[in-house]
PDB file of N, CA and C in Angstrom:
ATOM      1  N   UNK A   1       0.841  -1.165   0.000  1.00  0.00           N
ATOM      2  CA  UNK A   1       0.000   0.000   0.000  1.00  0.00           C
ATOM      3  C   UNK A   1       0.893   1.237   0.000  1.00  0.00           C
ATOM      4  N   UNK A   2       0.678   2.150  -0.912  1.00  0.00           N
ATOM      5  CA  UNK A   2       1.502   3.359  -0.997  1.00  0.00           C
ATOM      6  C   UNK A   2       0.719   4.552  -0.450  1.00  0.00           C
ATOM      7  N   UNK A   3       1.453   5.472   0.077  1.00  0.00           N
ATOM      8  CA  UNK A   3       0.817   6.689   0.590  1.00  0.00           C
ATOM      9  C   UNK A   3       1.066   7.828  -0.382  1.00  0.00           C
ATOM     10  N   UNK A   4       0.136   8.745  -0.448  1.00  0.00           N
ATOM     11  CA  UNK A   4       0.269   9.884  -1.352  1.00  0.00           C
ATOM     12  C   UNK A   4       1.190  10.916  -0.721  1.00  0.00           C
ATOM     13  N   UNK A   5       2.096  11.446  -1.511  1.00  0.00           N
ATOM     14  CA  UNK A   5       3.009  12.465  -0.991  1.00  0.00           C
ATOM     15  C   UNK A   5       2.372  13.842  -1.178  1.00  0.00           C
ATOM     16  N   UNK A   6       2.627  14.753  -0.257  1.00  0.00           N
ATOM     17  CA  UNK A   6       2.051  16.088  -0.382  1.00  0.00           C
ATOM     18  C   UNK A   6       2.639  16.826  -1.584  1.00  0.00           C
ATOM     19  N   UNK A   7       1.836  17.690  -2.176  1.00  0.00           N
ATOM     20  CA  UNK A   7       2.299  18.423  -3.354  1.00  0.00           C
ATOM     21  C   UNK A   7       3.194  19.596  -2.971  1.00  0.00           C
ATOM     22  N   UNK A   8       3.093  20.075  -1.734  1.00  0.00           N
ATOM     23  CA  UNK A   8       3.928  21.179  -1.285  1.00  0.00           C
ATOM     24  C   UNK A   8       5.280  20.617  -0.877  1.00  0.00           C
ATOM     25  N   UNK A   9       6.325  21.270  -1.292  1.00  0.00           N
ATOM     26  CA  UNK A   9       7.664  20.746  -1.035  1.00  0.00           C
ATOM     27  C   UNK A   9       8.132  20.997   0.393  1.00  0.00           C
ATOM     28  N   UNK A  10       7.582  22.036   1.055  1.00  0.00           N
ATOM     29  CA  UNK A  10       7.986  22.286   2.435  1.00  0.00           C
ATOM     30  C   UNK A  10       7.433  21.187   3.322  1.00  0.00           C
ATOM     31  N   UNK A  11       8.192  20.845   4.341  1.00  0.00           N
ATOM     32  CA  UNK A  11       7.722  19.788   5.215  1.00  0.00           C
ATOM     33  C   UNK A  11       7.717  20.278   6.647  1.00  0.00           C
ATOM     34  N   UNK A  12       7.043  19.555   7.463  1.00  0.00           N
ATOM     35  CA  UNK A  12       7.085  19.843   8.880  1.00  0.00           C
ATOM     36  C   UNK A  12       5.963  20.740   9.359  1.00  0.00           C
ATOM     37  N   UNK A  13       6.242  21.356  10.480  1.00  0.00           N
ATOM     38  CA  UNK A  13       5.250  22.137  11.195  1.00  0.00           C
ATOM     39  C   UNK A  13       4.781  23.350  10.402  1.00  0.00           C
ATOM     40  N   UNK A  14       5.695  24.035   9.706  1.00  0.00           N
ATOM     41  CA  UNK A  14       5.324  25.229   8.940  1.00  0.00           C
ATOM     42  C   UNK A  14       4.365  24.869   7.821  1.00  0.00           C
ATOM     43  N   UNK A  15       4.602  23.754   7.147  1.00  0.00           N
ATOM     44  CA  UNK A  15       3.707  23.298   6.094  1.00  0.00           C
ATOM     45  C   UNK A  15       2.317  23.021   6.651  1.00  0.00           C
ATOM     46  N   UNK A  16       2.255  22.394   7.805  1.00  0.00           N
ATOM     47  CA  UNK A  16       0.976  22.112   8.446  1.00  0.00           C
ATOM     48  C   UNK A  16       0.245  23.408   8.777  1.00  0.00           C
ATOM     49  N   UNK A  17       0.960  24.391   9.297  1.00  0.00           N
ATOM     50  CA  UNK A  17       0.344  25.681   9.636  1.00  0.00           C
ATOM     51  C   UNK A  17      -0.178  26.390   8.399  1.00  0.00           C
ATOM     52  N   UNK A  18       0.587  26.360   7.315  1.00  0.00           N
ATOM     53  CA  UNK A  18       0.154  27.001   6.068  1.00  0.00           C
ATOM     54  C   UNK A  18      -1.100  26.343   5.531  1.00  0.00           C
ATOM     55  N   UNK A  19      -1.123  25.025   5.537  1.00  0.00           N
ATOM     56  CA  UNK A  19      -2.295  24.304   5.045  1.00  0.00           C
ATOM     57  C   UNK A  19      -3.520  24.585   5.907  1.00  0.00           C
ATOM     58  N   UNK A  20      -3.341  24.628   7.216  1.00  0.00           N
ATOM     59  CA  UNK A  20      -4.473  24.907   8.103  1.00  0.00           C
ATOM     60  C   UNK A  20      -4.989  26.332   7.893  1.00  0.00           C
ATOM     61  N   UNK A  21      -4.086  27.294   7.718  1.00  0.00           N
ATOM     62  CA  UNK A  21      -4.499  28.676   7.486  1.00  0.00           C
ATOM     63  C   UNK A  21      -5.236  28.817   6.166  1.00  0.00           C
ATOM     64  N   UNK A  22      -4.747  28.154   5.132  1.00  0.00           N
ATOM     65  CA  UNK A  22      -5.424  28.213   3.840  1.00  0.00           C
ATOM     66  C   UNK A  22      -6.800  27.577   3.904  1.00  0.00           C
ATOM     67  N   UNK A  23      -6.920  26.474   4.604  1.00  0.00           N
ATOM     68  CA  UNK A  23      -8.217  25.813   4.724  1.00  0.00           C
ATOM     69  C   UNK A  23      -9.176  26.629   5.578  1.00  0.00           C
ATOM     70  N   UNK A  24      -8.677  27.265   6.615  1.00  0.00           N
ATOM     71  CA  UNK A  24      -9.527  28.021   7.529  1.00  0.00           C
ATOM     72  C   UNK A  24     -10.002  29.325   6.914  1.00  0.00           C
ATOM     73  N   UNK A  25      -9.111  30.031   6.248  1.00  0.00           N
ATOM     74  CA  UNK A  25      -9.427  31.377   5.778  1.00  0.00           C
ATOM     75  C   UNK A  25      -9.660  31.471   4.278  1.00  0.00           C
ATOM     76  N   UNK A  26      -9.848  30.380   3.594  1.00  0.00           N
ATOM     77  CA  UNK A  26     -10.006  30.428   2.145  1.00  0.00           C
ATOM     78  C   UNK A  26     -11.271  31.165   1.723  1.00  0.00           C
ATOM     79  N   UNK A  27     -12.320  31.126   2.551  1.00  0.00           N
ATOM     80  CA  UNK A  27     -13.561  31.797   2.163  1.00  0.00           C
ATOM     81  C   UNK A  27     -13.509  33.308   2.387  1.00  0.00           C
ATOM     82  N   UNK A  28     -12.629  33.801   3.222  1.00  0.00           N
ATOM     83  CA  UNK A  28     -12.534  35.240   3.466  1.00  0.00           C
ATOM     84  C   UNK A  28     -11.354  35.895   2.765  1.00  0.00           C
ATOM     85  N   UNK A  29     -10.498  35.104   2.156  1.00  0.00           N
ATOM     86  CA  UNK A  29      -9.357  35.662   1.436  1.00  0.00           C
ATOM     87  C   UNK A  29      -9.842  36.254   0.121  1.00  0.00           C
ATOM     88  N   UNK A  30      -9.246  37.369  -0.323  1.00  0.00           N
ATOM     89  CA  UNK A  30      -9.683  37.966  -1.591  1.00  0.00           C
ATOM     90  C   UNK A  30      -9.398  37.030  -2.753  1.00  0.00           C
ATOM     91  N   UNK A  31     -10.311  37.041  -3.715  1.00  0.00           N
ATOM     92  CA  UNK A  31     -10.155  36.143  -4.847  1.00  0.00           C
ATOM     93  C   UNK A  31      -9.129  36.655  -5.839  1.00  0.00           C
ATOM     94  N   UNK A  32      -8.950  37.961  -5.914  1.00  0.00           N
ATOM     95  CA  UNK A  32      -7.934  38.502  -6.803  1.00  0.00           C
ATOM     96  C   UNK A  32      -6.960  39.343  -5.985  1.00  0.00           C
ATOM     97  N   UNK A  33      -5.776  39.511  -6.465  1.00  0.00           N
ATOM     98  CA  UNK A  33      -4.806  40.285  -5.698  1.00  0.00           C
ATOM     99  C   UNK A  33      -5.277  41.735  -5.528  1.00  0.00           C
ATOM    100  N   UNK A  34      -5.065  42.256  -4.347  1.00  0.00           N
ATOM    101  CA  UNK A  34      -5.458  43.632  -4.093  1.00  0.00           C
ATOM    102  C   UNK A  34      -4.438  44.583  -4.707  1.00  0.00           C
ATOM    103  N   UNK A  35      -4.898  45.742  -5.034  1.00  0.00           N
ATOM    104  CA  UNK A  35      -4.048  46.748  -5.662  1.00  0.00           C
ATOM    105  C   UNK A  35      -3.119  47.353  -4.613  1.00  0.00           C
ATOM    106  N   UNK A  36      -1.872  47.397  -4.924  1.00  0.00           N
ATOM    107  CA  UNK A  36      -0.887  47.957  -4.016  1.00  0.00           C
ATOM    108  C   UNK A  36      -0.886  49.468  -4.201  1.00  0.00           C
ATOM    109  N   UNK A  37      -1.077  50.175  -3.095  1.00  0.00           N
ATOM    110  CA  UNK A  37      -1.083  51.629  -3.172  1.00  0.00           C
ATOM    111  C   UNK A  37       0.349  52.139  -3.096  1.00  0.00           C
ATOM    112  N   UNK A  38       0.631  53.084  -3.946  1.00  0.00           N
ATOM    113  CA  UNK A  38       1.951  53.694  -3.898  1.00  0.00           C
ATOM    114  C   UNK A  38       1.928  54.832  -2.890  1.00  0.00           C
ATOM    115  N   UNK A  39       3.071  55.104  -2.322  1.00  0.00           N
ATOM    116  CA  UNK A  39       3.175  56.156  -1.329  1.00  0.00           C
ATOM    117  C   UNK A  39       3.037  57.510  -2.013  1.00  0.00           C
ATOM    118  N   UNK A  40       2.141  58.324  -1.485  1.00  0.00           N
ATOM    119  CA  UNK A  40       1.900  59.631  -2.057  1.00  0.00           C
ATOM    120  C   UNK A  40       3.050  60.568  -1.691  1.00  0.00           C
ATOM    121  N   UNK A  41       3.547  61.268  -2.665  1.00  0.00           N
ATOM    122  CA  UNK A  41       4.628  62.216  -2.440  1.00  0.00           C
ATOM    123  C   UNK A  41       4.029  63.470  -1.814  1.00  0.00           C
ATOM    124  N   UNK A  42       4.543  63.896  -0.660  1.00  0.00           N
ATOM    125  CA  UNK A  42       3.973  65.073  -0.013  1.00  0.00           C
ATOM    126  C   UNK A  42       4.271  66.346  -0.806  1.00  0.00           C
ATOM    127  N   UNK A  43       3.383  67.309  -0.679  1.00  0.00           N
ATOM    128  CA  UNK A  43       3.579  68.576  -1.375  1.00  0.00           C
ATOM    129  C   UNK A  43       4.677  69.377  -0.681  1.00  0.00           C
ATOM    130  N   UNK A  44       5.163  70.382  -1.358  1.00  0.00           N
ATOM    131  CA  UNK A  44       6.245  71.180  -0.787  1.00  0.00           C
ATOM    132  C   UNK A  44       5.767  71.969   0.419  1.00  0.00           C
ATOM    133  N   UNK A  45       4.476  72.317   0.450  1.00  0.00           N
ATOM    134  CA  UNK A  45       3.968  73.054   1.608  1.00  0.00           C
ATOM    135  C   UNK A  45       3.919  72.175   2.846  1.00  0.00           C
ATOM    136  N   UNK A  46       3.539  70.933   2.688  1.00  0.00           N
ATOM    137  CA  UNK A  46       3.516  70.037   3.845  1.00  0.00           C
ATOM    138  C   UNK A  46       4.936  69.699   4.299  1.00  0.00           C
ATOM    139  N   UNK A  47       5.854  69.593   3.349  1.00  0.00           N
ATOM    140  CA  UNK A  47       7.249  69.346   3.710  1.00  0.00           C
ATOM    141  C   UNK A  47       7.829  70.540   4.465  1.00  0.00           C
ATOM    142  N   UNK A  48       7.492  71.759   4.022  1.00  0.00           N
ATOM    143  CA  UNK A  48       7.944  72.965   4.707  1.00  0.00           C
ATOM    144  C   UNK A  48       7.338  73.050   6.103  1.00  0.00           C
ATOM    145  N   UNK A  49       6.069  72.735   6.203  1.00  0.00           N
ATOM    146  CA  UNK A  49       5.402  72.750   7.504  1.00  0.00           C
ATOM    147  C   UNK A  49       6.043  71.754   8.464  1.00  0.00           C
ATOM    148  N   UNK A  50       6.343  70.558   7.975  1.00  0.00           N
ATOM    149  CA  UNK A  50       7.004  69.551   8.807  1.00  0.00           C
ATOM    150  C   UNK A  50       8.385  70.017   9.250  1.00  0.00           C
ATOM    151  N   UNK A  51       9.122  70.635   8.340  1.00  0.00           N
ATOM    152  CA  UNK A  51      10.453  71.125   8.668  1.00  0.00           C
ATOM    153  C   UNK A  51      10.373  72.218   9.729  1.00  0.00           C
ATOM    154  N   UNK A  52       9.433  73.155   9.579  1.00  0.00           N
ATOM    155  CA  UNK A  52       9.272  74.225  10.566  1.00  0.00           C
ATOM    156  C   UNK A  52       8.891  73.667  11.935  1.00  0.00           C
ATOM    157  N   UNK A  53       8.026  72.660  11.944  1.00  0.00           N
ATOM    158  CA  UNK A  53       7.638  72.037  13.207  1.00  0.00           C
ATOM    159  C   UNK A  53       8.845  71.380  13.881  1.00  0.00           C
ATOM    160  N   UNK A  54       9.642  70.662  13.102  1.00  0.00           N
ATOM    161  CA  UNK A  54      10.828  70.014  13.669  1.00  0.00           C
ATOM    162  C   UNK A  54      11.812  71.043  14.215  1.00  0.00           C
ATOM    163  N   UNK A  55      11.946  72.185  13.542  1.00  0.00           N
ATOM    164  CA  UNK A  55      12.823  73.245  14.034  1.00  0.00           C
ATOM    165  C   UNK A  55      12.304  73.807  15.350  1.00  0.00           C
ATOM    166  N   UNK A  56      10.996  73.978  15.440  1.00  0.00           N
ATOM    167  CA  UNK A  56      10.397  74.493  16.673  1.00  0.00           C
ATOM    168  C   UNK A  56      10.623  73.515  17.826  1.00  0.00           C
ATOM    169  N   UNK A  57      10.491  72.226  17.560  1.00  0.00           N
ATOM    170  CA  UNK A  57      10.718  71.215  18.592  1.00  0.00           C
ATOM    171  C   UNK A  57      12.188  71.225  19.029  1.00  0.00           C
ATOM    172  N   UNK A  58      13.106  71.363  18.071  1.00  0.00           N
ATOM    173  CA  UNK A  58      14.530  71.421  18.416  1.00  0.00           C
ATOM    174  C   UNK A  58      14.834  72.626  19.299  1.00  0.00           C
ATOM    175  N   UNK A  59      14.244  73.786  18.958  1.00  0.00           N
ATOM    176  CA  UNK A  59      14.460  74.981  19.758  1.00  0.00           C
ATOM    177  C   UNK A  59      13.907  74.808  21.172  1.00  0.00           C
ATOM    178  N   UNK A  60      12.738  74.207  21.254  1.00  0.00           N
ATOM    179  CA  UNK A  60      12.126  73.974  22.570  1.00  0.00           C
ATOM    180  C   UNK A  60      12.992  73.042  23.414  1.00  0.00           C
ATOM    181  N   UNK A  61      13.476  71.955  22.801  1.00  0.00           N
ATOM    182  CA  UNK A  61      14.314  71.011  23.530  1.00  0.00           C
ATOM    183  C   UNK A  61      15.629  71.639  23.954  1.00  0.00           C
ATOM    184  N   UNK A  62      16.198  72.500  23.094  1.00  0.00           N
ATOM    185  CA  UNK A  62      17.449  73.175  23.447  1.00  0.00           C
ATOM    186  C   UNK A  62      17.217  74.126  24.617  1.00  0.00           C
ATOM    187  N   UNK A  63      16.105  74.833  24.603  1.00  0.00           N
ATOM    188  CA  UNK A  63      15.769  75.747  25.695  1.00  0.00           C
ATOM    189  C   UNK A  63      15.604  74.981  27.011  1.00  0.00           C
ATOM    190  N   UNK A  64      14.912  73.860  26.955  1.00  0.00           N
ATOM    191  CA  UNK A  64      14.708  73.060  28.167  1.00  0.00           C
ATOM    192  C   UNK A  64      16.013  72.410  28.639  1.00  0.00           C
ATOM    193  N   UNK A  65      16.891  72.088  27.718  1.00  0.00           N
ATOM    194  CA  UNK A  65      18.154  71.445  28.078  1.00  0.00           C
ATOM    195  C   UNK A  65      19.099  72.392  28.802  1.00  0.00           C
ATOM    196  N   UNK A  66      18.865  73.684  28.710  1.00  0.00           N
ATOM    197  CA  UNK A  66      19.717  74.654  29.397  1.00  0.00           C
ATOM    198  C   UNK A  66      19.411  74.740  30.886  1.00  0.00           C
ATOM    199  N   UNK A  67      18.404  74.038  31.355  1.00  0.00           N
ATOM    200  CA  UNK A  67      18.045  74.069  32.774  1.00  0.00           C
ATOM    201  C   UNK A  67      19.173  73.498  33.614  1.00  0.00           C
ATOM    202  N   UNK A  68      19.386  74.125  34.766  1.00  0.00           N
ATOM    203  CA  UNK A  68      20.459  73.659  35.641  1.00  0.00           C
ATOM    204  C   UNK A  68      19.988  72.612  36.636  1.00  0.00           C
ATOM    205  N   UNK A  69      18.702  72.621  36.980  1.00  0.00           N
ATOM    206  CA  UNK A  69      18.173  71.614  37.897  1.00  0.00           C
ATOM    207  C   UNK A  69      16.715  71.328  37.539  1.00  0.00           C
ATOM    208  N   UNK A  70      16.122  70.396  38.255  1.00  0.00           N
ATOM    209  CA  UNK A  70      14.758  69.960  37.952  1.00  0.00           C
ATOM    210  C   UNK A  70      13.741  71.068  38.187  1.00  0.00           C
ATOM    211  N   UNK A  71      14.020  71.936  39.150  1.00  0.00           N
ATOM    212  CA  UNK A  71      13.077  73.010  39.465  1.00  0.00           C
ATOM    213  C   UNK A  71      13.029  74.041  38.335  1.00  0.00           C
ATOM    214  N   UNK A  72      14.180  74.359  37.803  1.00  0.00           N
ATOM    215  CA  UNK A  72      14.209  75.290  36.680  1.00  0.00           C
ATOM    216  C   UNK A  72      13.589  74.658  35.434  1.00  0.00           C
ATOM    217  N   UNK A  73      13.803  73.381  35.249  1.00  0.00           N
ATOM    218  CA  UNK A  73      13.187  72.678  34.126  1.00  0.00           C
ATOM    219  C   UNK A  73      11.669  72.746  34.224  1.00  0.00           C
ATOM    220  N   UNK A  74      11.141  72.474  35.415  1.00  0.00           N
ATOM    221  CA  UNK A  74       9.688  72.546  35.593  1.00  0.00           C
ATOM    222  C   UNK A  74       9.175  73.966  35.366  1.00  0.00           C
ATOM    223  N   UNK A  75       9.941  74.978  35.829  1.00  0.00           N
ATOM    224  CA  UNK A  75       9.528  76.360  35.623  1.00  0.00           C
ATOM    225  C   UNK A  75       9.493  76.682  34.129  1.00  0.00           C
ATOM    226  N   UNK A  76      10.483  76.233  33.393  1.00  0.00           N
ATOM    227  CA  UNK A  76      10.525  76.483  31.951  1.00  0.00           C
ATOM    228  C   UNK A  76       9.380  75.760  31.236  1.00  0.00           C
ATOM    229  N   UNK A  77       9.077  74.541  31.657  1.00  0.00           N
ATOM    230  CA  UNK A  77       7.969  73.803  31.040  1.00  0.00           C
ATOM    231  C   UNK A  77       6.656  74.534  31.282  1.00  0.00           C
ATOM    232  N   UNK A  78       6.429  75.000  32.526  1.00  0.00           N
ATOM    233  CA  UNK A  78       5.209  75.764  32.819  1.00  0.00           C
ATOM    234  C   UNK A  78       5.151  77.040  31.988  1.00  0.00           C
ATOM    235  N   UNK A  79       6.303  77.705  31.839  1.00  0.00           N
ATOM    236  CA  UNK A  79       6.355  78.928  31.032  1.00  0.00           C
ATOM    237  C   UNK A  79       5.953  78.638  29.587  1.00  0.00           C
ATOM    238  N   UNK A  80       6.470  77.552  29.027  1.00  0.00           N
ATOM    239  CA  UNK A  80       6.133  77.195  27.646  1.00  0.00           C
ATOM    240  C   UNK A  80       4.672  76.783  27.507  1.00  0.00           C
ATOM    241  N   UNK A  81       4.129  76.144  28.534  1.00  0.00           N
ATOM    242  CA  UNK A  81       2.725  75.752  28.484  1.00  0.00           C
ATOM    243  C   UNK A  81       1.803  76.967  28.498  1.00  0.00           C
ATOM    244  N   UNK A  82       2.213  78.009  29.231  1.00  0.00           N
ATOM    245  CA  UNK A  82       1.399  79.217  29.300  1.00  0.00           C
ATOM    246  C   UNK A  82       1.512  80.049  28.029  1.00  0.00           C
ATOM    247  N   UNK A  83       2.710  80.123  27.473  1.00  0.00           N
ATOM    248  CA  UNK A  83       2.951  80.941  26.291  1.00  0.00           C
ATOM    249  C   UNK A  83       3.659  80.096  25.228  1.00  0.00           C
ATOM    250  N   UNK A  84       2.935  79.211  24.553  1.00  0.00           N
ATOM    251  CA  UNK A  84       3.604  78.287  23.617  1.00  0.00           C
ATOM    252  C   UNK A  84       4.192  78.966  22.390  1.00  0.00           C
ATOM    253  N   UNK A  85       3.685  80.131  22.002  1.00  0.00           N
ATOM    254  CA  UNK A  85       4.192  80.770  20.788  1.00  0.00           C
ATOM    255  C   UNK A  85       5.287  81.778  21.078  1.00  0.00           C
ATOM    256  N   UNK A  86       5.623  81.963  22.341  1.00  0.00           N
ATOM    257  CA  UNK A  86       6.635  82.971  22.678  1.00  0.00           C
ATOM    258  C   UNK A  86       8.031  82.449  22.410  1.00  0.00           C
ATOM    259  N   UNK A  87       8.977  83.341  22.478  1.00  0.00           N
ATOM    260  CA  UNK A  87      10.381  82.973  22.309  1.00  0.00           C
ATOM    261  C   UNK A  87      10.829  82.129  23.490  1.00  0.00           C
ATOM    262  N   UNK A  88      11.889  81.389  23.318  1.00  0.00           N
ATOM    263  CA  UNK A  88      12.348  80.460  24.357  1.00  0.00           C
ATOM    264  C   UNK A  88      13.407  81.081  25.257  1.00  0.00           C
ATOM    265  N   UNK A  89      13.322  82.379  25.516  1.00  0.00           N
ATOM    266  CA  UNK A  89      14.319  83.040  26.353  1.00  0.00           C
ATOM    267  C   UNK A  89      13.665  83.784  27.473  1.00  0.00           C
TER     268      UNK A  89
END
């Protein structure tokens, strides 16, 4: 009596998992390949806005890093929270 060999060349536990997943989810898997979306290139205005935001964050971090102790750091953080658009000096 001969046994039928599997058509998939991979053997072992991974093959079993793949077969079980295909059998379990075959009815919910898409019948045709889905369209791959390409990454949208940002406009120059959004790139400029992102750059300005990053510069503002760098300035804020530099201002906070000048603190000599935790109390001054907390005072500077409160100052920035009250006046977020003001200069960092």
